C-alpha atoms as a PDB file:
ATOM      1  CA  MET A   1      76.166  75.754  85.408  1.00  0.00           C
ATOM      2  CA  SER A   2      77.810  72.978  83.422  1.00  0.00           C
ATOM      3  CA  GLN A   3      80.071  70.379  85.005  1.00  0.00           C
ATOM      4  CA  LEU A   4      83.383  71.633  86.343  1.00  0.00           C
ATOM      5  CA  PRO A   5      86.526  70.699  84.406  1.00  0.00           C
ATOM      6  CA  LYS A   6      88.200  67.576  85.825  1.00  0.00           C
ATOM      7  CA  ARG A   7      91.356  69.496  86.798  1.00  0.00           C
ATOM      8  CA  PHE A   8      89.288  72.008  88.786  1.00  0.00           C
ATOM      9  CA  GLU A   9      87.381  69.167  90.501  1.00  0.00           C
ATOM     10  CA  LYS A  10      90.784  67.645  91.430  1.00  0.00           C
ATOM     11  CA  LEU A  11      91.850  70.973  92.937  1.00  0.00           C
ATOM     12  CA  HIS A  12      88.695  70.848  95.059  1.00  0.00           C
ATOM     13  CA  GLN A  13      89.521  67.301  96.203  1.00  0.00           C
ATOM     14  CA  ASP A  14      93.215  67.811  96.827  1.00  0.00           C
ATOM     15  CA  TYR A  15      93.229  71.400  98.122  1.00  0.00           C
ATOM     16  CA  PRO A  16      89.715  72.275  99.310  1.00  0.00           C
ATOM     17  CA  GLU A  17      90.802  75.357 101.230  1.00  0.00           C
ATOM     18  CA  VAL A  18      92.665  76.761  98.223  1.00  0.00           C
ATOM     19  CA  ALA A  19      89.679  76.061  95.938  1.00  0.00           C
ATOM     20  CA  LYS A  20      87.342  77.783  98.391  1.00  0.00           C
ATOM     21  CA  ALA A  21      89.626  80.808  98.625  1.00  0.00           C
ATOM     22  CA  TYR A  22      89.857  81.019  94.846  1.00  0.00           C
ATOM     23  CA  GLU A  23      86.083  80.933  94.539  1.00  0.00           C
ATOM     24  CA  GLU A  24      85.693  83.634  97.214  1.00  0.00           C
ATOM     25  CA  LEU A  25      88.211  85.801  95.366  1.00  0.00           C
ATOM     26  CA  GLY A  26      86.133  85.416  92.191  1.00  0.00           C
ATOM     27  CA  LYS A  27      82.969  86.433  94.021  1.00  0.00           C
ATOM     28  CA  ALA A  28      84.678  89.471  95.520  1.00  0.00           C
ATOM     29  CA  VAL A  29      86.059  90.611  92.167  1.00  0.00           C
ATOM     30  CA  HIS A  30      82.662  90.226  90.460  1.00  0.00           C
ATOM     31  CA  SER A  31      80.868  92.258  93.112  1.00  0.00           C
ATOM     32  CA  SER A  32      83.523  94.981  93.367  1.00  0.00           C
ATOM     33  CA  GLY A  33      82.031  97.370  90.797  1.00  0.00           C
ATOM     34  CA  PRO A  34      79.129  98.415  88.632  1.00  0.00           C
ATOM     35  CA  LEU A  35      79.601  96.109  85.631  1.00  0.00           C
ATOM     36  CA  ASP A  36      76.654  93.831  84.895  1.00  0.00           C
ATOM     37  CA  GLU A  37      76.950  90.076  84.516  1.00  0.00           C
ATOM     38  CA  LYS A  38      76.916  90.090  80.699  1.00  0.00           C
ATOM     39  CA  THR A  39      79.629  92.727  80.495  1.00  0.00           C
ATOM     40  CA  ARG A  40      81.800  90.897  83.017  1.00  0.00           C
ATOM     41  CA  ALA A  41      81.375  87.618  81.093  1.00  0.00           C
ATOM     42  CA  LEU A  42      82.472  89.183  77.794  1.00  0.00           C
ATOM     43  CA  ILE A  43      85.427  90.904  79.438  1.00  0.00           C
ATOM     44  CA  LYS A  44      86.570  87.580  80.955  1.00  0.00           C
ATOM     45  CA  LEU A  45      86.281  85.979  77.526  1.00  0.00           C
ATOM     46  CA  ALA A  46      88.344  88.787  76.032  1.00  0.00           C
ATOM     47  CA  ILE A  47      91.026  88.438  78.713  1.00  0.00           C
ATOM     48  CA  SER A  48      91.213  84.676  78.203  1.00  0.00           C
ATOM     49  CA  THR A  49      91.443  85.210  74.435  1.00  0.00           C
ATOM     50  CA  SER A  50      94.264  87.709  74.752  1.00  0.00           C
ATOM     51  CA  ALA A  51      96.143  85.496  77.190  1.00  0.00           C
ATOM     52  CA  GLY A  52      95.890  82.555  74.786  1.00  0.00           C
ATOM     53  CA  LEU A  53      94.237  80.294  77.349  1.00  0.00           C
ATOM     54  CA  GLU A  54      92.290  77.603  75.536  1.00  0.00           C
ATOM     55  CA  GLY A  55      90.657  76.118  78.620  1.00  0.00           C
ATOM     56  CA  ALA A  56      89.592  79.542  79.890  1.00  0.00           C
ATOM     57  CA  VAL A  57      88.158  80.500  76.452  1.00  0.00           C
ATOM     58  CA  HIS A  58      86.159  77.239  76.517  1.00  0.00           C
ATOM     59  CA  SER A  59      84.970  77.930  80.067  1.00  0.00           C
ATOM     60  CA  HIS A  60      84.016  81.566  79.477  1.00  0.00           C
ATOM     61  CA  THR A  61      82.293  80.690  76.193  1.00  0.00           C
ATOM     62  CA  ARG A  62      80.152  78.101  78.038  1.00  0.00           C
ATOM     63  CA  LYS A  63      79.326  80.668  80.733  1.00  0.00           C
ATOM     64  CA  ALA A  64      78.432  83.262  78.101  1.00  0.00           C
ATOM     65  CA  VAL A  65      76.067  80.816  76.401  1.00  0.00           C
ATOM     66  CA  GLU A  66      74.474  79.978  79.752  1.00  0.00           C
ATOM     67  CA  LEU A  67      73.846  83.701  80.290  1.00  0.00           C
ATOM     68  CA  GLY A  68      72.052  83.914  76.961  1.00  0.00           C
ATOM     69  CA  ILE A  69      74.757  85.884  75.214  1.00  0.00           C
ATOM     70  CA  SER A  70      74.409  85.442  71.465  1.00  0.00           C
ATOM     71  CA  LYS A  71      76.907  83.621  69.269  1.00  0.00           C
ATOM     72  CA  GLU A  72      77.446  86.864  67.369  1.00  0.00           C
ATOM     73  CA  GLU A  73      78.317  88.799  70.557  1.00  0.00           C
ATOM     74  CA  ILE A  74      80.695  86.057  71.652  1.00  0.00           C
ATOM     75  CA  ARG A  75      82.429  85.950  68.286  1.00  0.00           C
ATOM     76  CA  GLN A  76      82.706  89.752  68.093  1.00  0.00           C
ATOM     77  CA  THR A  77      84.305  89.784  71.545  1.00  0.00           C
ATOM     78  CA  VAL A  78      87.025  87.495  70.267  1.00  0.00           C
ATOM     79  CA  LEU A  79      87.342  89.354  66.951  1.00  0.00           C
ATOM     80  CA  LEU A  80      87.967  92.634  68.814  1.00  0.00           C
ATOM     81  CA  ALA A  81      91.288  91.133  69.978  1.00  0.00           C
ATOM     82  CA  LEU A  82      92.558  90.921  66.379  1.00  0.00           C
ATOM     83  CA  PRO A  83      94.402  94.282  66.168  1.00  0.00           C
ATOM     84  CA  THR A  84      96.055  93.641  69.546  1.00  0.00           C
ATOM     85  CA  ILE A  85      97.017  89.943  69.471  1.00  0.00           C
ATOM     86  CA  GLY A  86      97.236  89.315  65.740  1.00  0.00           C
ATOM     87  CA  LEU A  87      95.533  87.033  63.247  1.00  0.00           C
ATOM     88  CA  PRO A  88      96.996  83.610  64.285  1.00  0.00           C
ATOM     89  CA  SER A  89      96.119  84.086  67.971  1.00  0.00           C
ATOM     90  CA  THR A  90      92.684  85.428  67.176  1.00  0.00           C
ATOM     91  CA  MET A  91      91.941  82.515  64.815  1.00  0.00           C
ATOM     92  CA  ALA A  92      93.073  80.046  67.447  1.00  0.00           C
ATOM     93  CA  ALA A  93      90.725  81.661  69.995  1.00  0.00           C
ATOM     94  CA  MET A  94      87.904  81.664  67.462  1.00  0.00           C
ATOM     95  CA  SER A  95      88.399  77.940  66.959  1.00  0.00           C
ATOM     96  CA  TRP A  96      88.186  77.408  70.752  1.00  0.00           C
ATOM     97  CA  VAL A  97      84.937  79.378  70.824  1.00  0.00           C
ATOM     98  CA  ASP A  98      83.590  77.267  67.969  1.00  0.00           C
ATOM     99  CA  ASP A  99      84.525  74.094  69.917  1.00  0.00           C
ATOM    100  CA  ILE A 100      81.755  75.125  72.330  1.00  0.00           C
ATOM    101  CA  LEU A 101      79.286  76.953  70.034  1.00  0.00           C
ATOM    102  CA  GLU A 102      79.192  74.231  67.443  1.00  0.00           C
ATOM    103  CA  LYS A 103      78.186  71.665  70.116  1.00  0.00           C
ATOM    104  CA  LYS A 104      75.026  73.697  70.888  1.00  0.00           C
END
């Protein structure tokens, strides 16, 4: 996986027990049901998009690329938010996705 964001690295340095608990929670959530890795990755991207979380959209886009998910699938995932979150929020999220995809 790519390098952790600096803020997350600082969390590990300053609060190692909290960081470990957070990572364990993530593992538990991912293994709690039947969804495959690709589906989970796209859902997490969609959640981040809908919440308007730029850093999370960047992170989940990177993870999706690392899993081999196509640019088209990533962009459609964001586009599906349009009727729910509106055009300005969707376009912002699409620009965050492009921040990552256009580097590749």
